Structures are given as C-alpha cells and as structure tokens.
C-alpha cells in the first residue's frame, strides 16, 4: 500500500486499479524474497569462511580463556552484547 500511496499519481482508474495493485504487491513480495535469498547466501558464505578460520586456530590455553573471561566481565553490557552477537 505504501508503494501505491507513493505512486498515487500513476494508479490507473477502475477497473484496472485492482490489477495494478496486485502487480505492485507481487513485485514487492518478489523483491523481499530476493533480498532474503541474498541474505541467506551471504550468511552461508560467511559461515563457511568463519569455519575455515576457526579450524586453523589453536585451542586456547586455560590461562588465556580466564584472561578473556575477565576482560569480558570488565565490559559494559552493550559492549558484551556487540562482541557476543
């Protein structure tokens, strides 16, 4: 409906109005689907790259893990959320 409102000056007169609105709705839905597919492909690509990087990392030593835990505790709640998301 937002697209129809923005393009009010080109909305055809009855009886073509409803067909035009269906066409606009179809295009809006198709754009949303394409966006979601692109997002999923990018997410999978990034996940694969991250998996490759993490495979090559050595296992952390307990002292390092404790140091990281202390550093995380020193952060604000917002900073922790940014790092853990």
N, C-alpha and C. Protein backbone atom coordinates (compact mmCIF):
# COMPACT_ATOMS: atom_id res chain seq x y z
N UNK A 1 0.82 -1.19 0.00
CA UNK A 1 0.00 0.00 0.00
C UNK A 1 0.87 1.26 0.00
N UNK A 2 2.05 1.16 0.64
CA UNK A 2 2.94 2.31 0.66
C UNK A 2 3.38 2.66 -0.76
N UNK A 3 3.68 1.64 -1.56
CA UNK A 3 4.07 1.89 -2.95
C UNK A 3 2.92 2.55 -3.70
N UNK A 4 1.71 2.05 -3.50
CA UNK A 4 0.54 2.65 -4.17
C UNK A 4 0.37 4.10 -3.73
N UNK A 5 0.56 4.36 -2.47
CA UNK A 5 0.40 5.73 -1.96
C UNK A 5 1.45 6.64 -2.58
N UNK A 6 2.68 6.15 -2.67
CA UNK A 6 3.76 6.96 -3.23
C UNK A 6 3.54 7.22 -4.72
N UNK A 7 2.86 6.31 -5.39
CA UNK A 7 2.64 6.41 -6.83
C UNK A 7 1.19 6.72 -7.16
N UNK A 8 0.54 7.40 -6.26
CA UNK A 8 -0.88 7.70 -6.42
C UNK A 8 -1.19 8.38 -7.75
N UNK A 9 -0.23 9.15 -8.23
CA UNK A 9 -0.46 9.88 -9.48
C UNK A 9 -0.48 8.97 -10.71
N UNK A 10 0.03 7.74 -10.60
CA UNK A 10 0.02 6.84 -11.77
C UNK A 10 -0.90 5.63 -11.57
N UNK A 11 -1.63 5.58 -10.46
CA UNK A 11 -2.57 4.47 -10.25
C UNK A 11 -3.66 4.57 -11.32
N UNK A 12 -3.86 3.45 -12.06
CA UNK A 12 -4.89 3.50 -13.11
C UNK A 12 -6.29 3.58 -12.51
N UNK A 13 -7.20 4.03 -13.33
CA UNK A 13 -8.60 4.15 -12.89
C UNK A 13 -9.25 2.78 -12.91
N UNK A 14 -10.38 2.66 -12.20
CA UNK A 14 -11.14 1.41 -12.18
C UNK A 14 -11.49 1.00 -13.61
N UNK A 15 -11.53 -0.20 -13.94
CA UNK A 15 -11.39 -1.43 -13.16
C UNK A 15 -9.95 -1.94 -13.11
N UNK A 16 -8.97 -1.22 -13.72
CA UNK A 16 -7.58 -1.69 -13.74
C UNK A 16 -6.86 -1.49 -12.41
N UNK A 17 -7.43 -0.73 -11.49
CA UNK A 17 -6.77 -0.42 -10.23
C UNK A 17 -6.37 -1.67 -9.47
N UNK A 18 -7.31 -2.60 -9.31
CA UNK A 18 -7.03 -3.79 -8.51
C UNK A 18 -5.93 -4.64 -9.16
N UNK A 19 -5.94 -4.74 -10.48
CA UNK A 19 -4.89 -5.49 -11.16
C UNK A 19 -3.53 -4.83 -10.97
N UNK A 20 -3.51 -3.51 -11.03
CA UNK A 20 -2.27 -2.78 -10.82
C UNK A 20 -1.76 -3.01 -9.40
N UNK A 21 -2.67 -2.96 -8.43
CA UNK A 21 -2.28 -3.19 -7.04
C UNK A 21 -1.73 -4.61 -6.84
N UNK A 22 -2.35 -5.60 -7.47
CA UNK A 22 -1.84 -6.97 -7.39
C UNK A 22 -0.44 -7.05 -8.00
N UNK A 23 -0.23 -6.38 -9.10
CA UNK A 23 1.10 -6.37 -9.73
C UNK A 23 2.14 -5.74 -8.83
N UNK A 24 1.79 -4.62 -8.20
CA UNK A 24 2.70 -3.95 -7.28
C UNK A 24 3.01 -4.88 -6.09
N UNK A 25 1.98 -5.52 -5.55
CA UNK A 25 2.18 -6.43 -4.42
C UNK A 25 3.09 -7.58 -4.82
N UNK A 26 2.89 -8.12 -6.02
CA UNK A 26 3.73 -9.23 -6.48
C UNK A 26 5.19 -8.81 -6.57
N UNK A 27 5.44 -7.62 -7.08
CA UNK A 27 6.82 -7.13 -7.20
C UNK A 27 7.44 -6.86 -5.83
N UNK A 28 6.67 -6.33 -4.91
CA UNK A 28 7.19 -6.07 -3.56
C UNK A 28 7.56 -7.39 -2.88
N UNK A 29 6.69 -8.39 -3.02
CA UNK A 29 6.98 -9.70 -2.43
C UNK A 29 8.19 -10.34 -3.09
N UNK A 30 8.29 -10.25 -4.41
CA UNK A 30 9.44 -10.81 -5.12
C UNK A 30 10.73 -10.14 -4.68
N UNK A 31 10.71 -8.83 -4.51
CA UNK A 31 11.91 -8.12 -4.03
C UNK A 31 12.30 -8.59 -2.64
N UNK A 32 11.31 -8.78 -1.78
CA UNK A 32 11.60 -9.27 -0.43
C UNK A 32 12.19 -10.67 -0.45
N UNK A 33 11.66 -11.52 -1.33
CA UNK A 33 12.20 -12.88 -1.46
C UNK A 33 13.64 -12.85 -1.96
N UNK A 34 13.92 -12.03 -2.96
CA UNK A 34 15.30 -11.92 -3.47
C UNK A 34 16.23 -11.43 -2.39
N UNK A 35 15.79 -10.45 -1.62
CA UNK A 35 16.62 -9.92 -0.53
C UNK A 35 16.91 -11.02 0.48
N UNK A 36 15.91 -11.79 0.83
CA UNK A 36 16.10 -12.87 1.81
C UNK A 36 17.05 -13.93 1.26
N UNK A 37 16.92 -14.29 -0.01
CA UNK A 37 17.83 -15.29 -0.61
C UNK A 37 19.26 -14.78 -0.62
N UNK A 38 19.46 -13.50 -0.97
CA UNK A 38 20.81 -12.93 -0.95
C UNK A 38 21.38 -12.95 0.46
N UNK A 39 20.55 -12.61 1.42
CA UNK A 39 20.99 -12.61 2.82
C UNK A 39 21.40 -14.01 3.25
N UNK A 40 20.60 -15.01 2.91
CA UNK A 40 20.93 -16.38 3.28
C UNK A 40 22.21 -16.86 2.60
N UNK A 41 22.39 -16.52 1.32
CA UNK A 41 23.63 -16.91 0.62
C UNK A 41 24.85 -16.27 1.28
N UNK A 42 24.73 -14.99 1.61
CA UNK A 42 25.85 -14.30 2.25
C UNK A 42 26.13 -14.89 3.63
N UNK A 43 25.09 -15.20 4.37
CA UNK A 43 25.26 -15.80 5.69
C UNK A 43 25.99 -17.13 5.58
N UNK A 44 25.59 -17.96 4.63
CA UNK A 44 26.25 -19.26 4.44
C UNK A 44 27.71 -19.08 4.03
N UNK A 45 27.96 -18.12 3.15
CA UNK A 45 29.34 -17.87 2.72
C UNK A 45 30.20 -17.42 3.89
N UNK A 46 29.68 -16.49 4.68
CA UNK A 46 30.43 -16.02 5.84
C UNK A 46 30.64 -17.13 6.86
N UNK A 47 29.61 -17.97 7.06
CA UNK A 47 29.72 -19.09 8.00
C UNK A 47 30.82 -20.05 7.54
N UNK A 48 30.88 -20.34 6.24
CA UNK A 48 31.91 -21.24 5.71
C UNK A 48 33.30 -20.63 5.90
N UNK A 49 33.43 -19.34 5.64
CA UNK A 49 34.72 -18.68 5.83
C UNK A 49 35.12 -18.69 7.30
N UNK A 50 34.17 -18.45 8.17
CA UNK A 50 34.47 -18.46 9.60
C UNK A 50 34.89 -19.85 10.06
N UNK A 51 34.20 -20.88 9.55
CA UNK A 51 34.58 -22.25 9.89
C UNK A 51 36.01 -22.55 9.47
N UNK A 52 36.41 -22.09 8.28
CA UNK A 52 37.79 -22.29 7.81
C UNK A 52 38.79 -21.61 8.73
N UNK A 53 38.48 -20.39 9.13
CA UNK A 53 39.39 -19.65 10.00
C UNK A 53 39.49 -20.32 11.36
N UNK A 54 38.35 -20.74 11.90
CA UNK A 54 38.35 -21.35 13.22
C UNK A 54 39.05 -22.70 13.23
N UNK A 55 39.04 -23.43 12.11
CA UNK A 55 39.75 -24.70 12.04
C UNK A 55 41.24 -24.51 12.23
N UNK A 56 41.77 -23.40 11.74
CA UNK A 56 43.21 -23.15 11.78
C UNK A 56 43.69 -22.57 13.10
N UNK A 57 42.76 -22.14 13.95
CA UNK A 57 43.17 -21.55 15.22
C UNK A 57 43.57 -22.63 16.22
N UNK A 58 44.65 -22.38 16.98
CA UNK A 58 44.99 -23.35 18.01
C UNK A 58 43.97 -23.28 19.15
N UNK A 59 43.84 -24.37 19.86
CA UNK A 59 42.94 -24.40 21.01
C UNK A 59 43.48 -23.45 22.08
N UNK A 60 42.63 -22.64 22.69
CA UNK A 60 43.11 -21.69 23.71
C UNK A 60 43.57 -22.43 24.97
N UNK A 61 44.59 -21.88 25.57
CA UNK A 61 45.07 -22.44 26.83
C UNK A 61 44.17 -21.92 27.95
N UNK A 62 44.04 -22.66 29.05
CA UNK A 62 43.14 -22.23 30.13
C UNK A 62 43.45 -20.83 30.66
N UNK A 63 44.71 -20.46 30.74
CA UNK A 63 45.05 -19.13 31.25
C UNK A 63 44.51 -18.04 30.32
N UNK A 64 44.61 -18.29 29.04
CA UNK A 64 44.11 -17.32 28.07
C UNK A 64 42.59 -17.22 28.16
N UNK A 65 41.92 -18.35 28.32
CA UNK A 65 40.46 -18.35 28.46
C UNK A 65 40.04 -17.57 29.69
N UNK A 66 40.76 -17.72 30.78
CA UNK A 66 40.45 -16.98 32.00
C UNK A 66 40.68 -15.49 31.79
N UNK A 67 41.72 -15.15 31.06
CA UNK A 67 42.02 -13.74 30.79
C UNK A 67 40.91 -13.13 29.93
N UNK A 68 40.45 -13.86 28.96
CA UNK A 68 39.37 -13.37 28.11
C UNK A 68 38.10 -13.20 28.93
N UNK A 69 37.81 -14.15 29.81
CA UNK A 69 36.61 -14.06 30.65
C UNK A 69 36.67 -12.82 31.54
N UNK A 70 37.82 -12.54 32.11
CA UNK A 70 37.96 -11.33 32.94
C UNK A 70 37.78 -10.07 32.11
N UNK A 71 38.32 -10.06 30.91
CA UNK A 71 38.18 -8.90 30.03
C UNK A 71 36.71 -8.69 29.66
N UNK A 72 35.99 -9.78 29.39
CA UNK A 72 34.58 -9.67 29.06
C UNK A 72 33.78 -9.12 30.25
N UNK A 73 34.13 -9.54 31.45
CA UNK A 73 33.43 -9.04 32.64
C UNK A 73 33.66 -7.56 32.86
N UNK A 74 34.78 -7.05 32.38
CA UNK A 74 35.10 -5.63 32.56
C UNK A 74 34.32 -4.74 31.58
N UNK A 75 33.71 -5.35 30.56
CA UNK A 75 32.99 -4.57 29.57
C UNK A 75 31.60 -4.19 30.08
N UNK A 76 31.04 -3.19 29.45
CA UNK A 76 29.65 -2.84 29.74
C UNK A 76 28.74 -3.88 29.08
N UNK A 77 27.49 -3.88 29.47
CA UNK A 77 26.53 -4.85 28.91
C UNK A 77 26.40 -4.67 27.40
N UNK A 78 26.40 -3.44 26.93
CA UNK A 78 26.28 -3.17 25.49
C UNK A 78 27.52 -3.67 24.76
N UNK A 79 28.69 -3.43 25.28
CA UNK A 79 29.92 -3.90 24.65
C UNK A 79 29.97 -5.42 24.58
N UNK A 80 29.53 -6.08 25.67
CA UNK A 80 29.48 -7.55 25.67
C UNK A 80 28.53 -8.06 24.61
N UNK A 81 27.38 -7.40 24.50
CA UNK A 81 26.39 -7.84 23.51
C UNK A 81 26.94 -7.71 22.10
N UNK A 82 27.65 -6.61 21.83
CA UNK A 82 28.22 -6.41 20.49
C UNK A 82 29.23 -7.52 20.17
N UNK A 83 30.04 -7.87 21.14
CA UNK A 83 31.06 -8.89 20.91
C UNK A 83 30.51 -10.31 20.84
N UNK A 84 29.41 -10.56 21.50
CA UNK A 84 28.89 -11.92 21.53
C UNK A 84 27.84 -12.18 20.47
N UNK A 85 27.40 -11.18 19.76
CA UNK A 85 26.39 -11.37 18.70
C UNK A 85 27.02 -11.79 17.42
